[in-house]
Structures are given as C-alpha cells and as structure tokens.
Amino acid sequence: MEVALITVGDELLSGDTVNTNANWLAGELSDRGVGVPRILSVPDDRSVIAEQAHTYSDAFDAVIVTGGLGSTPDDVTMEAVADAFGRELAPTDLTREAVERRLAAVRDRIPDRDVDVDVDAEAAIPTGSRPLLNEAGLAPGCVVEGVYVMPGIPDELQAMFDAVADEFAGDRRSRFLYTVEPESNIVPALETAMDRFDVAVGCYPDREADHNRLKVTGTDGAAIDAAAEWLLANVNASDEPVRRGW
C-alpha cells in the first residue's frame, strides 16, 4: 500500500508552524508497512488543494489531507476536496449530532462565553463521503474516493487517525544497521546490496552519535535479512549503534 500526504496551511509554507503532522503520519504509516512516496505542503488555496487531492487519489492507494478544517476564512480544505470529486457539501445526521454534542461540552466548560457556531456549516462534508468524527475537536473529517480528510491540530489528527489506523497496512519492512565507516567508503557496497538483493538501502549520518545508520527496506523479509547479513560482513556494520574508537 502506498499513501500520499498533503498538509494544508499557509503557516507551513511560511515557516510559522513546524510540520509535525507529516512526520508523525509518515512514521505511523511506515510502522504499518505502508509506503509514503509523496509528502506535499500546499497553501490555503481551494483550487490547489482540489487539484492535488484529485491527482494523488488517482496515483496512490490512499491520500491523507490534513489541515484547513473549521469555520475560519482560511479553512477551505473540505470545500476543496468536494470540488475535486464534483460533490456538494452537506451535513449528515451523524456529523451534526457530533458537532452539537461537542458544542454542548464547550458551553458547559465555559458558560460565561457566547459560542456562536453554524452547526450545519461546521458539520458539512462532501455528499456520499464517509464521516470521520472528531472526538478531540469540533470539525469532522471524512473519506471520499480514497482521500482521508483530517484536522490539522495535532491531537485531533492523531485521535482521528487512530480510529481508522487499521485501514492502512502494507508489506514494507525495514532493518537498521550501524557503521562507523565514512559514507564515501561504503557507497560501492550499498549499491551492490541494492542490486543483488532488490532492496533499498539508505545511509543517514548521525554526527551526534558518531556513526552512520543504514536502513534496509523491501517487501521480502528474506531478501532484507540476506542484504543485511551481507552488509554486516562487508561494511564493518553492526546491528547495534556503535561509535568510532569503540
């Protein structure tokens, strides 16, 4: 399974907000054996979001779009995804009830504040889509044409993803090795391992730890282990982190 990520928000592109959602989602998906071949950040632009959501839905098994849900003027993601698939926006009984329930909890918590929300607008999702309820916030998400629309607030995103995490599974596996050999010394061995065993091998220098981390990835467990064992024998590598001079 391959899943593309689209993170929405001008604040991501300006550097005002660190894109922790992309990092978190990529890790969660990778842990489930899912490939993440694209991570794209886009502005709060309805036409851009719609174009990319439609393009990626055709190219990958699923797409997760995060950010831009709610009722402020820059929250255009739900409208954009509806545009991408020629849908109208409308609340469902389920999303309306969920928004009303959350609003009641907010009013109970801050009774001295006037909370004015257009419930139908807040609860609207593309017609025919599957609702994803927001148990940590207000605006619901949805699934339409393989596109999962989720909030951008990290705790809301994580709660919503956890509710559908079992829908994401793949057969990609990885094994990590460690070596103190300089990158330039091991390039031929890495290329040989990739060619011989049909795996991907990434090399990630860690200057603080004073070693290089090798990541062997593929879909055949036997091939991954064979490649790892070959690297252990040919690049002075270890299954455990090492430091120069040890």
Protein backbone atom coordinates (compact mmCIF):
# COMPACT_ATOMS: atom_id res chain seq x y z
CA MET A 1 0.00 0.00 0.00
CA GLU A 2 1.21 3.49 -0.88
CA VAL A 3 -0.24 6.60 0.76
CA ALA A 4 0.44 10.22 -0.17
CA LEU A 5 0.25 13.00 2.42
CA ILE A 6 -0.99 16.53 1.72
CA THR A 7 -0.58 19.03 4.54
CA VAL A 8 -2.51 22.27 4.12
CA GLY A 9 -1.69 25.69 5.51
CA ASP A 10 -0.02 28.97 4.63
CA GLU A 11 1.63 28.78 8.04
CA LEU A 12 3.53 25.66 6.99
CA LEU A 13 4.92 27.32 3.88
CA SER A 14 5.93 30.50 5.69
CA GLY A 15 7.76 28.60 8.43
CA ASP A 16 5.45 29.87 11.16
CA THR A 17 4.44 26.30 12.06
CA VAL A 18 6.64 23.20 12.06
CA ASN A 19 5.06 20.42 10.00
CA THR A 20 4.97 17.81 12.75
CA ASN A 21 1.84 16.19 11.28
CA ALA A 22 3.67 14.95 8.19
CA ASN A 23 6.45 13.49 10.29
CA TRP A 24 4.03 11.79 12.67
CA LEU A 25 1.84 10.34 9.92
CA ALA A 26 4.82 9.09 7.91
CA GLY A 27 6.11 7.28 10.99
CA GLU A 28 2.74 5.74 11.80
CA LEU A 29 2.26 4.54 8.23
CA SER A 30 5.81 3.21 7.93
CA ASP A 31 5.32 1.24 11.15
CA ARG A 32 2.35 -0.41 9.44
CA GLY A 33 4.39 -1.38 6.39
CA VAL A 34 2.88 1.37 4.23
CA GLY A 35 4.99 3.26 1.71
CA VAL A 36 4.80 7.07 1.75
CA PRO A 37 6.06 8.13 -1.70
CA ARG A 38 4.87 11.77 -1.52
CA ILE A 39 4.58 14.42 1.17
CA LEU A 40 3.28 17.73 -0.16
CA SER A 41 2.56 21.02 1.63
CA VAL A 42 0.12 23.36 -0.09
CA PRO A 43 -1.32 26.79 0.72
CA ASP A 44 -4.86 27.54 1.85
CA ASP A 45 -5.90 27.72 -1.79
CA ARG A 46 -9.07 25.87 -2.72
CA SER A 47 -8.13 25.19 -6.33
CA VAL A 48 -4.62 23.96 -5.47
CA ILE A 49 -5.92 21.61 -2.79
CA ALA A 50 -8.59 20.26 -5.14
CA GLU A 51 -6.12 19.66 -7.96
CA GLN A 52 -3.61 17.83 -5.80
CA ALA A 53 -6.21 15.74 -3.97
CA HIS A 54 -7.65 14.56 -7.29
CA THR A 55 -4.24 13.89 -8.84
CA TYR A 56 -2.94 11.95 -5.87
CA SER A 57 -6.15 9.94 -5.50
CA ASP A 58 -5.56 8.56 -8.98
CA ALA A 59 -1.87 7.87 -8.38
CA PHE A 60 -1.85 6.22 -4.94
CA ASP A 61 -3.84 3.74 -2.90
CA ALA A 62 -4.95 6.45 -0.47
CA VAL A 63 -4.33 10.10 0.36
CA ILE A 64 -4.39 11.77 3.76
CA VAL A 65 -5.10 15.52 3.72
CA THR A 66 -4.60 17.39 6.97
CA GLY A 67 -5.36 20.96 7.95
CA GLY A 68 -7.82 23.64 6.92
CA LEU A 69 -10.94 22.27 8.62
CA GLY A 70 -13.24 24.56 10.55
CA SER A 71 -15.08 27.82 10.08
CA THR A 72 -12.40 30.50 9.69
CA PRO A 73 -11.94 32.10 6.25
CA ASP A 74 -8.74 30.15 5.52
CA ASP A 75 -10.38 26.79 6.28
CA VAL A 76 -11.14 25.67 2.72
CA THR A 77 -9.97 22.06 2.68
CA MET A 78 -13.36 20.38 2.91
CA GLU A 79 -14.74 22.57 0.11
CA ALA A 80 -11.66 21.85 -1.99
CA VAL A 81 -11.96 18.09 -1.61
CA ALA A 82 -15.65 18.31 -2.51
CA ASP A 83 -14.64 20.26 -5.62
CA ALA A 84 -12.05 17.61 -6.51
CA PHE A 85 -14.73 14.96 -6.91
CA GLY A 86 -17.69 17.05 -8.03
CA ARG A 87 -19.56 16.76 -4.73
CA GLU A 88 -21.72 19.20 -2.81
CA LEU A 89 -21.23 19.89 0.88
CA ALA A 90 -23.94 18.91 3.35
CA PRO A 91 -24.13 17.83 6.99
CA THR A 92 -25.17 14.30 7.91
CA ASP A 93 -27.22 13.32 10.93
CA LEU A 94 -24.08 11.78 12.41
CA THR A 95 -21.81 14.80 11.92
CA ARG A 96 -24.49 17.26 13.04
CA GLU A 97 -25.11 15.32 16.24
CA ALA A 98 -21.37 15.08 16.90
CA VAL A 99 -20.84 18.83 16.43
CA GLU A 100 -23.82 19.64 18.66
CA ARG A 101 -22.52 17.28 21.34
CA ARG A 102 -19.07 18.85 21.24
CA LEU A 103 -20.52 22.36 21.37
CA ALA A 104 -22.59 21.45 24.40
CA ALA A 105 -19.44 20.27 26.14
CA VAL A 106 -17.67 23.53 25.26
CA ARG A 107 -20.56 25.61 26.60
CA ASP A 108 -20.58 23.61 29.81
CA ARG A 109 -16.87 24.23 30.20
CA ILE A 110 -17.01 27.98 29.54
CA PRO A 111 -20.59 29.02 30.42
CA ASP A 112 -19.69 32.71 30.55
CA ARG A 113 -18.66 32.82 26.87
CA ASP A 114 -21.00 33.03 23.88
CA VAL A 115 -20.08 30.23 21.44
CA ASP A 116 -21.69 31.08 18.11
CA VAL A 117 -21.23 28.30 15.56
CA ASP A 118 -23.19 27.48 12.41
CA VAL A 119 -23.71 23.81 13.17
CA ASP A 120 -24.73 22.77 9.66
CA ALA A 121 -21.73 24.53 8.10
CA GLU A 122 -19.35 23.04 10.67
CA ALA A 123 -20.79 19.55 10.16
CA ALA A 124 -20.82 19.67 6.35
CA ILE A 125 -18.83 17.08 4.41
CA PRO A 126 -18.90 16.05 0.72
CA THR A 127 -22.11 14.25 -0.16
CA GLY A 128 -21.69 10.49 -0.26
CA SER A 129 -18.50 10.55 1.80
CA ARG A 130 -17.90 8.57 4.98
CA PRO A 131 -17.82 10.74 8.10
CA LEU A 132 -14.85 10.68 10.46
CA LEU A 133 -15.90 12.05 13.82
CA ASN A 134 -13.61 14.43 15.67
CA GLU A 135 -13.53 13.13 19.24
CA ALA A 136 -10.81 15.63 20.23
CA GLY A 137 -12.22 18.71 18.50
CA LEU A 138 -15.16 20.10 16.57
CA ALA A 139 -14.90 19.86 12.78
CA PRO A 140 -15.45 16.33 11.41
CA GLY A 141 -13.30 14.68 8.77
CA CYS A 142 -14.35 12.33 6.01
CA VAL A 143 -13.25 9.74 3.47
CA VAL A 144 -14.12 10.23 -0.19
CA GLU A 145 -12.62 8.49 -3.23
CA GLY A 146 -9.75 7.17 -1.11
CA VAL A 147 -8.96 10.64 0.28
CA TYR A 148 -8.97 10.89 4.08
CA VAL A 149 -9.60 14.46 5.25
CA MET A 150 -8.40 15.13 8.79
CA PRO A 151 -7.81 18.12 11.07
CA GLY A 152 -4.50 19.93 11.29
CA ILE A 153 -4.45 20.32 15.08
CA PRO A 154 -2.07 17.51 16.10
CA ASP A 155 -4.09 15.94 18.92
CA GLU A 156 -7.25 15.98 16.77
CA LEU A 157 -5.39 14.47 13.81
CA GLN A 158 -3.86 11.74 15.92
CA ALA A 159 -7.17 10.77 17.53
CA MET A 160 -8.91 10.65 14.15
CA PHE A 161 -6.11 8.65 12.52
CA ASP A 162 -6.09 6.16 15.38
CA ALA A 163 -9.77 5.47 14.70
CA VAL A 164 -9.01 4.35 11.12
CA ALA A 165 -5.41 3.14 11.50
CA ASP A 166 -6.39 -0.47 10.76
CA GLU A 167 -7.35 0.63 7.23
CA PHE A 168 -3.69 1.24 6.46
CA ALA A 169 -1.46 -1.80 6.05
CA GLY A 170 1.38 -2.81 3.78
CA ASP A 171 4.18 -5.31 3.36
CA ARG A 172 7.17 -2.97 3.51
CA ARG A 173 9.66 -3.88 6.21
CA SER A 174 12.94 -2.34 7.35
CA ARG A 175 16.01 -3.39 9.25
CA PHE A 176 18.55 -0.98 10.72
CA LEU A 177 22.32 -1.39 10.83
CA TYR A 178 25.06 0.91 12.12
CA THR A 179 28.58 1.57 10.90
CA VAL A 180 31.42 3.94 11.71
CA GLU A 181 32.74 3.72 8.15
CA PRO A 182 32.59 7.08 6.30
CA GLU A 183 29.83 7.29 3.71
CA SER A 184 32.28 7.65 0.86
CA ASN A 185 33.89 4.32 1.78
CA ILE A 186 30.69 2.27 1.63
CA VAL A 187 28.97 3.58 -1.49
CA PRO A 188 30.01 0.60 -3.69
CA ALA A 189 28.81 -1.89 -1.06
CA LEU A 190 25.44 -0.16 -0.71
CA GLU A 191 24.95 -0.18 -4.48
CA THR A 192 25.89 -3.87 -4.63
CA ALA A 193 23.45 -4.76 -1.86
CA MET A 194 20.59 -2.94 -3.62
CA ASP A 195 21.31 -4.62 -6.95
CA ARG A 196 21.96 -8.10 -5.57
CA PHE A 197 19.04 -8.34 -3.14
CA ASP A 198 16.46 -5.98 -4.70
CA VAL A 199 16.15 -3.79 -1.61
CA ALA A 200 16.52 -0.10 -0.90
CA VAL A 201 19.39 0.97 1.35
CA GLY A 202 19.50 4.43 2.86
CA CYS A 203 22.51 5.87 4.68
CA TYR A 204 21.85 8.50 7.34
CA PRO A 205 24.82 10.13 9.07
CA ASP A 206 24.34 10.89 12.74
CA ARG A 207 27.13 13.22 13.80
CA GLU A 208 25.95 13.40 17.38
CA ALA A 209 26.05 9.61 17.71
CA ASP A 210 29.23 9.49 15.60
CA HIS A 211 28.01 6.74 13.28
CA ASN A 212 26.07 6.16 10.06
CA ARG A 213 22.68 4.48 10.28
CA LEU A 214 21.79 2.15 7.41
CA LYS A 215 18.15 1.37 6.67
CA VAL A 216 17.46 -1.72 4.55
CA THR A 217 13.90 -1.69 3.20
CA GLY A 218 11.90 -4.03 0.99
CA THR A 219 8.82 -6.23 0.77
CA ASP A 220 10.58 -9.61 1.00
CA GLY A 221 11.71 -10.37 4.54
CA ALA A 222 14.20 -12.99 3.41
CA ALA A 223 15.79 -10.56 0.95
CA ILE A 224 16.01 -7.86 3.64
CA ASP A 225 17.77 -10.24 6.02
CA ALA A 226 20.09 -11.50 3.30
CA ALA A 227 21.04 -7.95 2.34
CA ALA A 228 21.57 -7.03 5.99
CA GLU A 229 23.79 -10.04 6.62
CA TRP A 230 25.82 -9.26 3.51
CA LEU A 231 26.28 -5.66 4.67
CA LEU A 232 27.27 -6.80 8.14
CA ALA A 233 30.03 -8.83 6.54
CA ASN A 234 31.19 -6.21 4.05
CA VAL A 235 30.97 -2.71 5.56
CA ASN A 236 32.06 -3.22 9.17
CA ALA A 237 28.46 -2.80 10.31
CA SER A 238 26.62 -3.83 13.45
CA ASP A 239 23.03 -4.47 14.48
CA GLU A 240 23.61 -2.17 17.44
CA PRO A 241 24.67 1.51 17.47
CA VAL A 242 28.45 1.95 17.55
CA ARG A 243 30.88 4.84 17.95
CA ARG A 244 34.28 5.39 16.45
CA GLY A 245 37.01 4.27 18.78
CA TRP A 246 34.91 1.59 20.48
